[in-house]
Amino acid sequence: MNQFTINNAVVEILIDDLINSTHEAVVIPTNSKLLPSGTLRCKALKQAGAKIQVECNKIINKIAIIPVGNAVLTSGGNLSSKFIIHVVSPKLSVLGQKLEGKKLMLATWNSLKLADQKGIKSIAFPPISAEMLGFNAKICANAMLPTIQKYLLEKNKNLKKISIYLESLPDYKDFENVVDTLIS
């Protein structure tokens, strides 16, 4: 585990299971209709229980679709976490790699902002969009970590702990390299 402090908030990267984290909120990437998609989302929804999809459907019935980079909040259902932050993650395309990287930064920022606005003190992230949307851990680290740093320095009111849960040592190394450049 690697951790550092920014403006009285601890940021850590670790290899562990995001779904079973004990943070107040977990961030789960999703699509614009909040439907089950991707291994992580399906695992989270299965463990959290059917109530979460019902909450997601109510949100969609009110606003139709959620734009890429935006986030919404539901209860955590049966998870250890009290809340799930569902963030619409971008898909990497060869033509718009820079634009999509900015959307990944926006997804990170909006997840932090939503948690902060709701008074949430601890939040757990996966590497957003890494699972099946074309972003690798290095791209995620280069977008997410500076965004977290910027948010904590400029806007944070409530967040005390931000954790990024990774699944492999190579992914961890990619995030660790970015952490080293941020704190040096």
Protein backbone atom coordinates (compact mmCIF):
# COMPACT_ATOMS: atom_id res chain seq x y z
CA MET A 1 0.00 0.00 0.00
CA ASN A 2 1.18 3.48 -0.85
CA GLN A 3 -0.40 6.49 0.81
CA PHE A 4 0.15 10.21 1.04
CA THR A 5 -1.70 13.20 2.47
CA ILE A 6 -3.06 16.18 0.56
CA ASN A 7 -4.72 19.00 2.47
CA ASN A 8 -5.58 16.77 5.48
CA ALA A 9 -6.99 13.95 3.32
CA VAL A 10 -5.26 10.59 2.96
CA VAL A 11 -4.98 9.17 -0.55
CA GLU A 12 -3.97 5.55 -0.86
CA ILE A 13 -3.49 2.98 -3.58
CA LEU A 14 -3.75 -0.71 -2.79
CA ILE A 15 -4.37 -4.13 -4.25
CA ASP A 16 -7.61 -5.41 -2.76
CA ASP A 17 -11.30 -6.07 -3.41
CA LEU A 18 -13.21 -2.81 -3.95
CA ILE A 19 -16.65 -4.38 -3.48
CA ASN A 20 -15.87 -5.48 0.08
CA SER A 21 -14.21 -2.21 1.13
CA THR A 22 -15.48 -0.52 4.27
CA HIS A 23 -15.49 3.00 2.86
CA GLU A 24 -18.60 5.11 3.22
CA ALA A 25 -18.98 5.12 -0.59
CA VAL A 26 -17.69 3.04 -3.48
CA VAL A 27 -17.47 4.32 -7.03
CA ILE A 28 -18.76 1.92 -9.66
CA PRO A 29 -18.37 2.73 -13.37
CA THR A 30 -21.55 2.42 -15.38
CA ASN A 31 -23.23 3.25 -18.67
CA SER A 32 -25.56 6.18 -19.35
CA LYS A 33 -28.68 4.10 -18.55
CA LEU A 34 -27.30 2.70 -15.25
CA LEU A 35 -27.79 -0.85 -16.53
CA PRO A 36 -25.69 -3.86 -15.54
CA SER A 37 -22.53 -3.92 -17.66
CA GLY A 38 -18.96 -4.95 -17.01
CA THR A 39 -17.63 -7.42 -14.49
CA LEU A 40 -17.17 -4.95 -11.62
CA ARG A 41 -20.63 -3.38 -11.97
CA CYS A 42 -22.35 -6.76 -12.25
CA LYS A 43 -20.47 -8.04 -9.20
CA ALA A 44 -21.37 -4.91 -7.21
CA LEU A 45 -25.05 -5.07 -8.18
CA LYS A 46 -25.26 -8.77 -7.38
CA GLN A 47 -23.71 -8.31 -3.95
CA ALA A 48 -25.63 -5.09 -3.19
CA GLY A 49 -28.98 -6.68 -4.07
CA ALA A 50 -31.84 -5.94 -6.45
CA LYS A 51 -32.79 -2.80 -4.53
CA ILE A 52 -29.88 -0.93 -6.14
CA GLN A 53 -31.07 -1.51 -9.70
CA VAL A 54 -34.55 -0.38 -8.62
CA GLU A 55 -32.98 2.86 -7.31
CA CYS A 56 -31.05 3.24 -10.58
CA ASN A 57 -34.23 2.72 -12.62
CA LYS A 58 -35.99 5.46 -10.63
CA ILE A 59 -33.14 7.85 -11.42
CA ILE A 60 -33.28 6.99 -15.13
CA ASN A 61 -37.07 7.37 -15.18
CA LYS A 62 -36.58 10.98 -14.04
CA ILE A 63 -33.65 12.03 -16.25
CA ALA A 64 -33.55 9.50 -19.15
CA ILE A 65 -29.76 9.26 -19.54
CA ILE A 66 -26.72 10.29 -17.57
CA PRO A 67 -24.01 12.04 -19.63
CA VAL A 68 -20.48 10.65 -19.70
CA GLY A 69 -18.50 11.94 -16.74
CA ASN A 70 -21.53 12.50 -14.51
CA ALA A 71 -22.27 10.63 -11.30
CA VAL A 72 -25.35 9.71 -9.27
CA LEU A 73 -25.76 8.26 -5.79
CA THR A 74 -27.74 5.30 -4.49
CA SER A 75 -27.70 3.43 -1.23
CA GLY A 76 -25.13 0.69 -0.83
CA GLY A 77 -27.74 -2.01 -0.36
CA ASN A 78 -26.10 -5.13 1.10
CA LEU A 79 -22.55 -3.81 0.62
CA SER A 80 -20.39 -2.76 3.57
CA SER A 81 -20.40 0.73 2.03
CA LYS A 82 -23.36 2.97 2.82
CA PHE A 83 -23.48 4.43 -0.72
CA ILE A 84 -22.65 3.59 -4.32
CA ILE A 85 -21.59 6.40 -6.61
CA HIS A 86 -22.45 5.32 -10.16
CA VAL A 87 -20.23 7.23 -12.59
CA VAL A 88 -20.70 7.10 -16.35
CA SER A 89 -17.27 6.23 -17.64
CA PRO A 90 -15.86 7.17 -21.02
CA LYS A 91 -14.74 4.67 -23.64
CA LEU A 92 -11.31 5.20 -25.15
CA SER A 93 -11.28 5.79 -28.87
CA VAL A 94 -8.23 6.18 -31.06
CA LEU A 95 -9.64 9.33 -32.64
CA GLY A 96 -10.49 11.10 -29.40
CA GLN A 97 -7.92 9.84 -26.89
CA LYS A 98 -7.23 13.31 -25.46
CA LEU A 99 -10.94 14.16 -25.24
CA GLU A 100 -11.74 10.83 -23.60
CA GLY A 101 -8.92 11.35 -21.08
CA LYS A 102 -10.57 14.64 -20.14
CA LYS A 103 -13.87 12.80 -19.68
CA LEU A 104 -12.09 10.35 -17.37
CA MET A 105 -10.83 13.32 -15.36
CA LEU A 106 -14.39 14.70 -15.28
CA ALA A 107 -15.75 11.35 -14.07
CA THR A 108 -13.22 11.37 -11.23
CA TRP A 109 -13.93 15.02 -10.36
CA ASN A 110 -17.71 14.56 -10.39
CA SER A 111 -17.49 11.45 -8.19
CA LEU A 112 -15.43 13.38 -5.64
CA LYS A 113 -17.74 16.39 -5.85
CA LEU A 114 -20.88 14.28 -5.31
CA ALA A 115 -19.34 12.49 -2.33
CA ASP A 116 -18.15 15.78 -0.85
CA GLN A 117 -21.55 17.44 -1.33
CA LYS A 118 -23.24 14.54 0.47
CA GLY A 119 -20.84 14.83 3.43
CA ILE A 120 -19.14 11.51 2.68
CA LYS A 121 -15.78 11.20 4.40
CA SER A 122 -14.27 8.12 2.72
CA ILE A 123 -14.54 6.95 -0.87
CA ALA A 124 -13.12 3.99 -2.78
CA PHE A 125 -12.41 4.05 -6.53
CA PRO A 126 -11.48 1.43 -9.08
CA PRO A 127 -9.32 2.56 -11.99
CA ILE A 128 -12.31 4.08 -13.83
CA SER A 129 -12.77 2.77 -17.38
CA ALA A 130 -9.86 0.32 -17.15
CA GLU A 131 -11.90 -2.83 -17.05
CA MET A 132 -13.29 -3.01 -20.59
CA LEU A 133 -13.41 0.46 -22.03
CA GLY A 134 -9.91 0.71 -23.46
CA PHE A 135 -8.09 2.61 -20.73
CA ASN A 136 -5.14 0.87 -19.14
CA ALA A 137 -3.98 1.50 -15.57
CA LYS A 138 -1.31 3.96 -16.71
CA ILE A 139 -3.86 6.15 -18.54
CA CYS A 140 -6.22 5.93 -15.55
CA ALA A 141 -3.47 6.86 -13.10
CA ASN A 142 -2.39 9.85 -15.19
CA ALA A 143 -5.96 11.14 -15.31
CA MET A 144 -7.29 10.18 -11.89
CA LEU A 145 -4.45 11.00 -9.49
CA PRO A 146 -3.80 14.60 -10.60
CA THR A 147 -7.58 15.17 -10.60
CA ILE A 148 -7.85 13.86 -7.04
CA GLN A 149 -4.94 16.07 -6.02
CA LYS A 150 -6.50 19.14 -7.64
CA TYR A 151 -9.91 18.48 -6.07
CA LEU A 152 -8.42 18.06 -2.60
CA LEU A 153 -6.38 21.24 -2.92
CA GLU A 154 -9.14 23.42 -4.37
CA LYS A 155 -12.59 22.17 -3.37
CA ASN A 156 -12.58 19.53 -0.64
CA LYS A 157 -14.70 20.12 2.45
CA ASN A 158 -15.55 16.66 3.83
CA LEU A 159 -13.41 13.95 2.25
CA LYS A 160 -10.81 12.48 4.62
CA LYS A 161 -9.81 9.28 2.83
CA ILE A 162 -9.69 8.38 -0.86
CA SER A 163 -8.59 4.90 -1.83
CA ILE A 164 -7.93 3.44 -5.25
CA TYR A 165 -8.39 -0.31 -5.36
CA LEU A 166 -6.37 -2.16 -7.97
CA GLU A 167 -6.44 -5.80 -9.01
CA SER A 168 -2.84 -6.51 -9.98
CA LEU A 169 0.74 -5.62 -9.18
CA PRO A 170 1.41 -4.17 -12.67
CA ASP A 171 -1.61 -1.84 -12.26
CA TYR A 172 -0.35 -0.89 -8.79
CA LYS A 173 3.09 -0.07 -10.23
CA ASP A 174 1.51 2.21 -12.87
CA PHE A 175 -0.36 4.12 -10.14
CA GLU A 176 2.67 4.17 -7.86
CA ASN A 177 4.79 5.78 -10.60
CA VAL A 178 2.26 8.62 -10.93
CA VAL A 179 2.09 9.02 -7.14
CA ASP A 180 5.88 9.36 -7.08
CA THR A 181 5.73 12.24 -9.58
CA LEU A 182 2.93 14.00 -7.67
CA ILE A 183 4.62 13.98 -4.29
CA SER A 184 8.21 14.56 -5.37
